């Protein structure tokens, strides 16, 4: 395998990649599920209020 280039951008990228990959899957999944639930509740609330009611 080749040695990595001596470049500060490459070093920053490598460090960033290590931090991203070190985050536990369950932590990411929990955050995504929370965002998904928040979107779902805001969508259902906006759908209900967007329907005009007929008045006789």
PDB file of N, CA and C in Angstrom:
ATOM      1  N   UNK A   1       0.833  -1.174   0.000  1.00  0.00           N
ATOM      2  CA  UNK A   1       0.000   0.000   0.000  1.00  0.00           C
ATOM      3  C   UNK A   1       0.887   1.249   0.000  1.00  0.00           C
ATOM      4  N   UNK A   2       0.461   2.265  -0.736  1.00  0.00           N
ATOM      5  CA  UNK A   2       1.235   3.499  -0.812  1.00  0.00           C
ATOM      6  C   UNK A   2       1.136   4.263   0.499  1.00  0.00           C
ATOM      7  N   UNK A   3       2.159   5.035   0.788  1.00  0.00           N
ATOM      8  CA  UNK A   3       2.113   5.891   1.963  1.00  0.00           C
ATOM      9  C   UNK A   3       1.241   7.097   1.650  1.00  0.00           C
ATOM     10  N   UNK A   4       0.497   7.602   2.638  1.00  0.00           N
ATOM     11  CA  UNK A   4      -0.368   8.751   2.385  1.00  0.00           C
ATOM     12  C   UNK A   4       0.459   9.987   2.052  1.00  0.00           C
ATOM     13  N   UNK A   5      -0.084  10.877   1.251  1.00  0.00           N
ATOM     14  CA  UNK A   5       0.655  12.097   0.900  1.00  0.00           C
ATOM     15  C   UNK A   5       0.831  12.993   2.125  1.00  0.00           C
ATOM     16  N   UNK A   6       1.898  13.754   2.112  1.00  0.00           N
ATOM     17  CA  UNK A   6       2.168  14.682   3.211  1.00  0.00           C
ATOM     18  C   UNK A   6       1.426  15.986   2.903  1.00  0.00           C
ATOM     19  N   UNK A   7       0.126  15.990   3.238  1.00  0.00           N
ATOM     20  CA  UNK A   7      -0.741  17.101   2.886  1.00  0.00           C
ATOM     21  C   UNK A   7      -1.666  17.385   4.063  1.00  0.00           C
ATOM     22  N   UNK A   8      -1.756  18.628   4.530  1.00  0.00           N
ATOM     23  CA  UNK A   8      -2.625  18.925   5.685  1.00  0.00           C
ATOM     24  C   UNK A   8      -4.102  18.634   5.396  1.00  0.00           C
ATOM     25  N   UNK A   9      -4.543  18.824   4.156  1.00  0.00           N
ATOM     26  CA  UNK A   9      -5.933  18.518   3.816  1.00  0.00           C
ATOM     27  C   UNK A   9      -6.207  17.027   3.948  1.00  0.00           C
ATOM     28  N   UNK A  10      -5.263  16.216   3.533  1.00  0.00           N
ATOM     29  CA  UNK A  10      -5.415  14.773   3.664  1.00  0.00           C
ATOM     30  C   UNK A  10      -5.483  14.378   5.133  1.00  0.00           C
ATOM     31  N   UNK A  11      -4.659  15.002   5.965  1.00  0.00           N
ATOM     32  CA  UNK A  11      -4.670  14.703   7.402  1.00  0.00           C
ATOM     33  C   UNK A  11      -6.007  15.089   8.029  1.00  0.00           C
ATOM     34  N   UNK A  12      -6.549  16.253   7.645  1.00  0.00           N
ATOM     35  CA  UNK A  12      -7.853  16.675   8.169  1.00  0.00           C
ATOM     36  C   UNK A  12      -8.950  15.724   7.723  1.00  0.00           C
ATOM     37  N   UNK A  13      -8.904  15.305   6.464  1.00  0.00           N
ATOM     38  CA  UNK A  13      -9.894  14.368   5.957  1.00  0.00           C
ATOM     39  C   UNK A  13      -9.819  13.038   6.706  1.00  0.00           C
ATOM     40  N   UNK A  14      -8.615  12.559   6.921  1.00  0.00           N
ATOM     41  CA  UNK A  14      -8.428  11.292   7.630  1.00  0.00           C
ATOM     42  C   UNK A  14      -8.979  11.388   9.053  1.00  0.00           C
ATOM     43  N   UNK A  15      -8.697  12.478   9.736  1.00  0.00           N
ATOM     44  CA  UNK A  15      -9.188  12.653  11.111  1.00  0.00           C
ATOM     45  C   UNK A  15     -10.709  12.744  11.128  1.00  0.00           C
ATOM     46  N   UNK A  16     -11.272  13.488  10.197  1.00  0.00           N
ATOM     47  CA  UNK A  16     -12.731  13.606  10.112  1.00  0.00           C
ATOM     48  C   UNK A  16     -13.369  12.237   9.863  1.00  0.00           C
ATOM     49  N   UNK A  17     -12.804  11.467   8.964  1.00  0.00           N
ATOM     50  CA  UNK A  17     -13.324  10.134   8.651  1.00  0.00           C
ATOM     51  C   UNK A  17     -13.271   9.230   9.878  1.00  0.00           C
ATOM     52  N   UNK A  18     -12.199   9.303  10.624  1.00  0.00           N
ATOM     53  CA  UNK A  18     -12.095   8.489  11.855  1.00  0.00           C
ATOM     54  C   UNK A  18     -13.177   8.870  12.858  1.00  0.00           C
ATOM     55  N   UNK A  19     -13.448  10.172  13.003  1.00  0.00           N
ATOM     56  CA  UNK A  19     -14.485  10.601  13.951  1.00  0.00           C
ATOM     57  C   UNK A  19     -15.868  10.161  13.487  1.00  0.00           C
ATOM     58  N   UNK A  20     -16.134  10.246  12.198  1.00  0.00           N
ATOM     59  CA  UNK A  20     -17.439   9.830  11.680  1.00  0.00           C
ATOM     60  C   UNK A  20     -17.640   8.336  11.901  1.00  0.00           C
ATOM     61  N   UNK A  21     -16.636   7.560  11.619  1.00  0.00           N
ATOM     62  CA  UNK A  21     -16.761   6.117  11.749  1.00  0.00           C
ATOM     63  C   UNK A  21     -16.753   5.647  13.197  1.00  0.00           C
ATOM     64  N   UNK A  22     -16.337   6.510  14.126  1.00  0.00           N
ATOM     65  CA  UNK A  22     -16.298   6.097  15.528  1.00  0.00           C
ATOM     66  C   UNK A  22     -17.640   6.283  16.225  1.00  0.00           C
ATOM     67  N   UNK A  23     -18.609   6.960  15.591  1.00  0.00           N
ATOM     68  CA  UNK A  23     -19.922   7.167  16.193  1.00  0.00           C
ATOM     69  C   UNK A  23     -20.695   5.852  16.157  1.00  0.00           C
ATOM     70  N   UNK A  24     -21.248   5.398  17.284  1.00  0.00           N
ATOM     71  CA  UNK A  24     -21.987   4.142  17.317  1.00  0.00           C
ATOM     72  C   UNK A  24     -23.249   4.201  16.436  1.00  0.00           C
ATOM     73  N   UNK A  25     -23.536   3.087  15.795  1.00  0.00           N
ATOM     74  CA  UNK A  25     -24.694   2.988  14.904  1.00  0.00           C
ATOM     75  C   UNK A  25     -25.990   3.311  15.646  1.00  0.00           C
ATOM     76  N   UNK A  26     -26.129   2.832  16.872  1.00  0.00           N
ATOM     77  CA  UNK A  26     -27.363   3.069  17.625  1.00  0.00           C
ATOM     78  C   UNK A  26     -27.601   4.553  17.890  1.00  0.00           C
ATOM     79  N   UNK A  27     -26.527   5.305  18.088  1.00  0.00           N
ATOM     80  CA  UNK A  27     -26.658   6.740  18.319  1.00  0.00           C
ATOM     81  C   UNK A  27     -27.176   7.435  17.053  1.00  0.00           C
ATOM     82  N   UNK A  28     -26.642   7.071  15.905  1.00  0.00           N
ATOM     83  CA  UNK A  28     -27.088   7.649  14.637  1.00  0.00           C
ATOM     84  C   UNK A  28     -28.535   7.262  14.369  1.00  0.00           C
ATOM     85  N   UNK A  29     -28.869   5.992  14.586  1.00  0.00           N
ATOM     86  CA  UNK A  29     -30.228   5.511  14.332  1.00  0.00           C
ATOM     87  C   UNK A  29     -31.239   6.208  15.238  1.00  0.00           C
ATOM     88  N   UNK A  30     -30.891   6.406  16.489  1.00  0.00           N
ATOM     89  CA  UNK A  30     -31.799   7.075  17.417  1.00  0.00           C
ATOM     90  C   UNK A  30     -32.078   8.511  16.971  1.00  0.00           C
ATOM     91  N   UNK A  31     -31.046   9.208  16.507  1.00  0.00           N
ATOM     92  CA  UNK A  31     -31.235  10.591  16.053  1.00  0.00           C
ATOM     93  C   UNK A  31     -32.091  10.627  14.785  1.00  0.00           C
ATOM     94  N   UNK A  32     -31.840   9.716  13.855  1.00  0.00           N
ATOM     95  CA  UNK A  32     -32.642   9.667  12.630  1.00  0.00           C
ATOM     96  C   UNK A  32     -34.100   9.334  12.939  1.00  0.00           C
ATOM     97  N   UNK A  33     -34.333   8.398  13.854  1.00  0.00           N
ATOM     98  CA  UNK A  33     -35.705   8.046  14.227  1.00  0.00           C
ATOM     99  C   UNK A  33     -36.421   9.235  14.868  1.00  0.00           C
ATOM    100  N   UNK A  34     -35.715   9.990  15.693  1.00  0.00           N
ATOM    101  CA  UNK A  34     -36.317  11.161  16.328  1.00  0.00           C
ATOM    102  C   UNK A  34     -36.681  12.221  15.288  1.00  0.00           C
ATOM    103  N   UNK A  35     -35.800  12.436  14.318  1.00  0.00           N
ATOM    104  CA  UNK A  35     -36.087  13.401  13.256  1.00  0.00           C
ATOM    105  C   UNK A  35     -37.265  12.935  12.408  1.00  0.00           C
ATOM    106  N   UNK A  36     -37.302  11.661  12.119  1.00  0.00           N
ATOM    107  CA  UNK A  36     -38.385  11.095  11.309  1.00  0.00           C
ATOM    108  C   UNK A  36     -39.730  11.258  12.028  1.00  0.00           C
ATOM    109  N   UNK A  37     -39.740  11.010  13.325  1.00  0.00           N
ATOM    110  CA  UNK A  37     -40.971  11.139  14.113  1.00  0.00           C
ATOM    111  C   UNK A  37     -41.418  12.603  14.161  1.00  0.00           C
ATOM    112  N   UNK A  38     -40.476  13.515  14.308  1.00  0.00           N
ATOM    113  CA  UNK A  38     -40.821  14.941  14.341  1.00  0.00           C
ATOM    114  C   UNK A  38     -41.414  15.375  13.007  1.00  0.00           C
ATOM    115  N   UNK A  39     -40.852  14.900  11.908  1.00  0.00           N
ATOM    116  CA  UNK A  39     -41.389  15.237  10.589  1.00  0.00           C
ATOM    117  C   UNK A  39     -42.785  14.661  10.413  1.00  0.00           C
ATOM    118  N   UNK A  40     -42.977  13.437  10.884  1.00  0.00           N
ATOM    119  CA  UNK A  40     -44.271  12.783  10.727  1.00  0.00           C
ATOM    120  C   UNK A  40     -45.361  13.535  11.489  1.00  0.00           C
ATOM    121  N   UNK A  41     -45.063  13.965  12.710  1.00  0.00           N
ATOM    122  CA  UNK A  41     -46.073  14.666  13.496  1.00  0.00           C
ATOM    123  C   UNK A  41     -46.349  16.050  12.915  1.00  0.00           C
ATOM    124  N   UNK A  42     -45.339  16.724  12.390  1.00  0.00           N
ATOM    125  CA  UNK A  42     -45.572  18.047  11.820  1.00  0.00           C
ATOM    126  C   UNK A  42     -46.336  17.940  10.503  1.00  0.00           C
ATOM    127  N   UNK A  43     -46.087  16.889   9.732  1.00  0.00           N
ATOM    128  CA  UNK A  43     -46.811  16.702   8.476  1.00  0.00           C
ATOM    129  C   UNK A  43     -48.283  16.400   8.736  1.00  0.00           C
ATOM    130  N   UNK A  44     -48.560  15.515   9.679  1.00  0.00           N
ATOM    131  CA  UNK A  44     -49.949  15.148   9.933  1.00  0.00           C
ATOM    132  C   UNK A  44     -50.723  16.342  10.495  1.00  0.00           C
ATOM    133  N   UNK A  45     -50.084  17.157  11.292  1.00  0.00           N
ATOM    134  CA  UNK A  45     -50.753  18.333  11.840  1.00  0.00           C
ATOM    135  C   UNK A  45     -51.025  19.357  10.737  1.00  0.00           C
ATOM    136  N   UNK A  46     -50.081  19.508   9.817  1.00  0.00           N
ATOM    137  CA  UNK A  46     -50.285  20.497   8.765  1.00  0.00           C
ATOM    138  C   UNK A  46     -51.332  20.025   7.763  1.00  0.00           C
ATOM    139  N   UNK A  47     -51.430  18.725   7.555  1.00  0.00           N
ATOM    140  CA  UNK A  47     -52.446  18.208   6.627  1.00  0.00           C
ATOM    141  C   UNK A  47     -53.847  18.460   7.163  1.00  0.00           C
ATOM    142  N   UNK A  48     -54.020  18.273   8.446  1.00  0.00           N
ATOM    143  CA  UNK A  48     -55.339  18.443   9.045  1.00  0.00           C
ATOM    144  C   UNK A  48     -55.773  19.905   8.971  1.00  0.00           C
ATOM    145  N   UNK A  49     -54.870  20.820   9.264  1.00  0.00           N
ATOM    146  CA  UNK A  49     -55.230  22.231   9.283  1.00  0.00           C
ATOM    147  C   UNK A  49     -55.368  22.804   7.866  1.00  0.00           C
ATOM    148  N   UNK A  50     -54.808  22.137   6.869  1.00  0.00           N
ATOM    149  CA  UNK A  50     -54.843  22.663   5.512  1.00  0.00           C
ATOM    150  C   UNK A  50     -56.161  22.356   4.815  1.00  0.00           C
ATOM    151  N   UNK A  51     -56.972  21.471   5.376  1.00  0.00           N
ATOM    152  CA  UNK A  51     -58.235  21.085   4.731  1.00  0.00           C
ATOM    153  C   UNK A  51     -59.315  22.072   5.134  1.00  0.00           C
ATOM    154  N   UNK A  52     -59.864  22.816   4.176  1.00  0.00           N
ATOM    155  CA  UNK A  52     -60.927  23.753   4.544  1.00  0.00           C
ATOM    156  C   UNK A  52     -62.226  23.010   4.862  1.00  0.00           C
ATOM    157  N   UNK A  53     -62.980  23.554   5.778  1.00  0.00           N
ATOM    158  CA  UNK A  53     -64.253  22.926   6.140  1.00  0.00           C
ATOM    159  C   UNK A  53     -65.387  23.628   5.410  1.00  0.00           C
ATOM    160  N   UNK A  54     -66.365  22.851   4.974  1.00  0.00           N
ATOM    161  CA  UNK A  54     -67.538  23.421   4.303  1.00  0.00           C
ATOM    162  C   UNK A  54     -68.544  23.846   5.353  1.00  0.00           C
ATOM    163  N   UNK A  55     -69.063  25.024   5.194  1.00  0.00           N
ATOM    164  CA  UNK A  55     -70.090  25.497   6.105  1.00  0.00           C
ATOM    165  C   UNK A  55     -71.368  25.721   5.296  1.00  0.00           C
ATOM    166  N   UNK A  56     -72.483  25.184   5.760  1.00  0.00           N
ATOM    167  CA  UNK A  56     -73.730  25.265   5.012  1.00  0.00           C
ATOM    168  C   UNK A  56     -74.464  26.554   5.257  1.00  0.00           C
TER     169      UNK A  56
END
